[in-house]
Amino acid sequence: MAEKEIMIYWEDNPDLQTHYVNQMFVSHSDNDFYLIFGEITPVILNENMEIPEKIGIKPVIRIALTPENLKEFIDVLNANYQAFKEKYK
């Protein structure tokens, strides 16, 4: 069978949702890492309200990554964060 090069590219998706997350939980199994991103909504109290005993975090997305993909993810985040700091800080 002859070899053929296949180009891979990111498709445009105008319907892709953006979620603001302000919480993250990381766990792992024997083979995968799990990143769970969530959102906590601030509690706004008035003078007649009591402070709640607990506040729930709404999970937004759970991402599973192999250790190799997690390493690449960390490297890409670090590179982008450094570029951000150089440009805006």
C-alpha atoms as a PDB file:
ATOM      1  CA  MET A   1       0.000   0.000   0.000  1.00  0.00           C
ATOM      2  CA  ALA A   2       1.352   3.418  -0.947  1.00  0.00           C
ATOM      3  CA  GLU A   3       1.848   6.022   1.745  1.00  0.00           C
ATOM      4  CA  LYS A   4      -0.256   9.144   1.592  1.00  0.00           C
ATOM      5  CA  GLU A   5       0.074  12.311   3.622  1.00  0.00           C
ATOM      6  CA  ILE A   6      -3.195  13.493   5.189  1.00  0.00           C
ATOM      7  CA  MET A   7      -3.521  17.099   6.324  1.00  0.00           C
ATOM      8  CA  ILE A   8      -5.256  17.606   9.681  1.00  0.00           C
ATOM      9  CA  TYR A   9      -6.733  21.012  10.480  1.00  0.00           C
ATOM     10  CA  TRP A  10      -9.091  22.684  12.928  1.00  0.00           C
ATOM     11  CA  GLU A  11     -12.544  23.141  11.457  1.00  0.00           C
ATOM     12  CA  ASP A  12     -14.522  26.306  12.132  1.00  0.00           C
ATOM     13  CA  ASN A  13     -17.455  25.845  14.500  1.00  0.00           C
ATOM     14  CA  PRO A  14     -19.431  29.072  15.023  1.00  0.00           C
ATOM     15  CA  ASP A  15     -21.767  27.236  17.445  1.00  0.00           C
ATOM     16  CA  LEU A  16     -18.959  26.256  19.820  1.00  0.00           C
ATOM     17  CA  GLN A  17     -19.974  27.335  23.308  1.00  0.00           C
ATOM     18  CA  THR A  18     -17.649  29.235  25.609  1.00  0.00           C
ATOM     19  CA  HIS A  19     -17.915  28.546  29.336  1.00  0.00           C
ATOM     20  CA  TYR A  20     -16.289  30.684  31.980  1.00  0.00           C
ATOM     21  CA  VAL A  21     -14.884  28.426  34.679  1.00  0.00           C
ATOM     22  CA  ASN A  22     -13.379  29.427  37.976  1.00  0.00           C
ATOM     23  CA  GLN A  23     -12.807  26.016  39.583  1.00  0.00           C
ATOM     24  CA  MET A  24     -10.787  22.969  38.541  1.00  0.00           C
ATOM     25  CA  PHE A  25     -10.410  19.465  39.933  1.00  0.00           C
ATOM     26  CA  VAL A  26      -7.710  17.064  38.698  1.00  0.00           C
ATOM     27  CA  SER A  27      -7.659  13.320  39.308  1.00  0.00           C
ATOM     28  CA  HIS A  28      -6.185  10.261  37.641  1.00  0.00           C
ATOM     29  CA  SER A  29      -6.595   6.541  37.159  1.00  0.00           C
ATOM     30  CA  ASP A  30      -3.984   3.990  36.122  1.00  0.00           C
ATOM     31  CA  ASN A  31      -4.116   5.169  32.488  1.00  0.00           C
ATOM     32  CA  ASP A  32      -5.703   8.618  32.284  1.00  0.00           C
ATOM     33  CA  PHE A  33      -5.844  12.061  33.859  1.00  0.00           C
ATOM     34  CA  TYR A  34      -9.199  13.784  34.369  1.00  0.00           C
ATOM     35  CA  LEU A  35      -9.622  17.543  34.382  1.00  0.00           C
ATOM     36  CA  ILE A  36     -13.000  18.702  35.632  1.00  0.00           C
ATOM     37  CA  PHE A  37     -13.740  22.381  35.127  1.00  0.00           C
ATOM     38  CA  GLY A  38     -16.571  23.992  37.032  1.00  0.00           C
ATOM     39  CA  GLU A  39     -18.194  27.213  38.033  1.00  0.00           C
ATOM     40  CA  ILE A  40     -19.047  28.575  41.435  1.00  0.00           C
ATOM     41  CA  THR A  41     -21.620  31.347  41.468  1.00  0.00           C
ATOM     42  CA  PRO A  42     -20.905  33.951  44.121  1.00  0.00           C
ATOM     43  CA  VAL A  43     -23.466  34.114  46.909  1.00  0.00           C
ATOM     44  CA  ILE A  44     -24.847  37.594  47.365  1.00  0.00           C
ATOM     45  CA  LEU A  45     -26.304  38.046  50.818  1.00  0.00           C
ATOM     46  CA  ASN A  46     -28.419  40.806  52.177  1.00  0.00           C
ATOM     47  CA  GLU A  47     -28.603  41.682  55.858  1.00  0.00           C
ATOM     48  CA  ASN A  48     -31.438  39.206  56.568  1.00  0.00           C
ATOM     49  CA  MET A  49     -29.762  36.145  55.023  1.00  0.00           C
ATOM     50  CA  GLU A  50     -27.548  33.598  56.710  1.00  0.00           C
ATOM     51  CA  ILE A  51     -24.264  32.452  55.248  1.00  0.00           C
ATOM     52  CA  PRO A  52     -24.818  29.003  53.711  1.00  0.00           C
ATOM     53  CA  GLU A  53     -22.975  26.021  55.177  1.00  0.00           C
ATOM     54  CA  LYS A  54     -21.885  24.835  51.752  1.00  0.00           C
ATOM     55  CA  ILE A  55     -21.908  26.007  48.157  1.00  0.00           C
ATOM     56  CA  GLY A  56     -21.947  23.648  45.189  1.00  0.00           C
ATOM     57  CA  ILE A  57     -19.637  23.836  42.208  1.00  0.00           C
ATOM     58  CA  LYS A  58     -21.460  23.272  38.907  1.00  0.00           C
ATOM     59  CA  PRO A  59     -19.331  20.960  36.712  1.00  0.00           C
ATOM     60  CA  VAL A  60     -19.119  22.327  33.173  1.00  0.00           C
ATOM     61  CA  ILE A  61     -16.884  19.788  31.421  1.00  0.00           C
ATOM     62  CA  ARG A  62     -14.773  16.730  32.215  1.00  0.00           C
ATOM     63  CA  ILE A  63     -11.770  16.072  29.990  1.00  0.00           C
ATOM     64  CA  ALA A  64      -9.854  12.792  29.934  1.00  0.00           C
ATOM     65  CA  LEU A  65      -6.230  12.832  28.757  1.00  0.00           C
ATOM     66  CA  THR A  66      -3.518  10.228  28.396  1.00  0.00           C
ATOM     67  CA  PRO A  67      -0.323  11.039  30.329  1.00  0.00           C
ATOM     68  CA  GLU A  68       1.381  11.923  27.025  1.00  0.00           C
ATOM     69  CA  ASN A  69      -1.431  14.292  26.014  1.00  0.00           C
ATOM     70  CA  LEU A  70      -1.450  15.852  29.493  1.00  0.00           C
ATOM     71  CA  LYS A  71       2.281  16.595  29.165  1.00  0.00           C
ATOM     72  CA  GLU A  72       1.667  18.237  25.783  1.00  0.00           C
ATOM     73  CA  PHE A  73      -1.299  20.168  27.256  1.00  0.00           C
ATOM     74  CA  ILE A  74       0.889  21.476  30.100  1.00  0.00           C
ATOM     75  CA  ASP A  75       3.659  22.480  27.674  1.00  0.00           C
ATOM     76  CA  VAL A  76       1.209  24.345  25.414  1.00  0.00           C
ATOM     77  CA  LEU A  77      -0.383  26.112  28.396  1.00  0.00           C
ATOM     78  CA  ASN A  78       3.038  27.163  29.716  1.00  0.00           C
ATOM     79  CA  ALA A  79       4.130  28.499  26.319  1.00  0.00           C
ATOM     80  CA  ASN A  80       0.898  30.455  25.889  1.00  0.00           C
ATOM     81  CA  TYR A  81       1.059  31.802  29.437  1.00  0.00           C
ATOM     82  CA  GLN A  82       4.644  33.007  28.900  1.00  0.00           C
ATOM     83  CA  ALA A  83       3.617  34.727  25.641  1.00  0.00           C
ATOM     84  CA  PHE A  84       0.685  36.349  27.461  1.00  0.00           C
ATOM     85  CA  LYS A  85       2.936  37.614  30.275  1.00  0.00           C
ATOM     86  CA  GLU A  86       5.435  39.068  27.815  1.00  0.00           C
ATOM     87  CA  LYS A  87       2.717  40.860  25.884  1.00  0.00           C
ATOM     88  CA  TYR A  88       0.452  42.127  28.682  1.00  0.00           C
ATOM     89  CA  LYS A  89       2.448  42.268  31.921  1.00  0.00           C
END
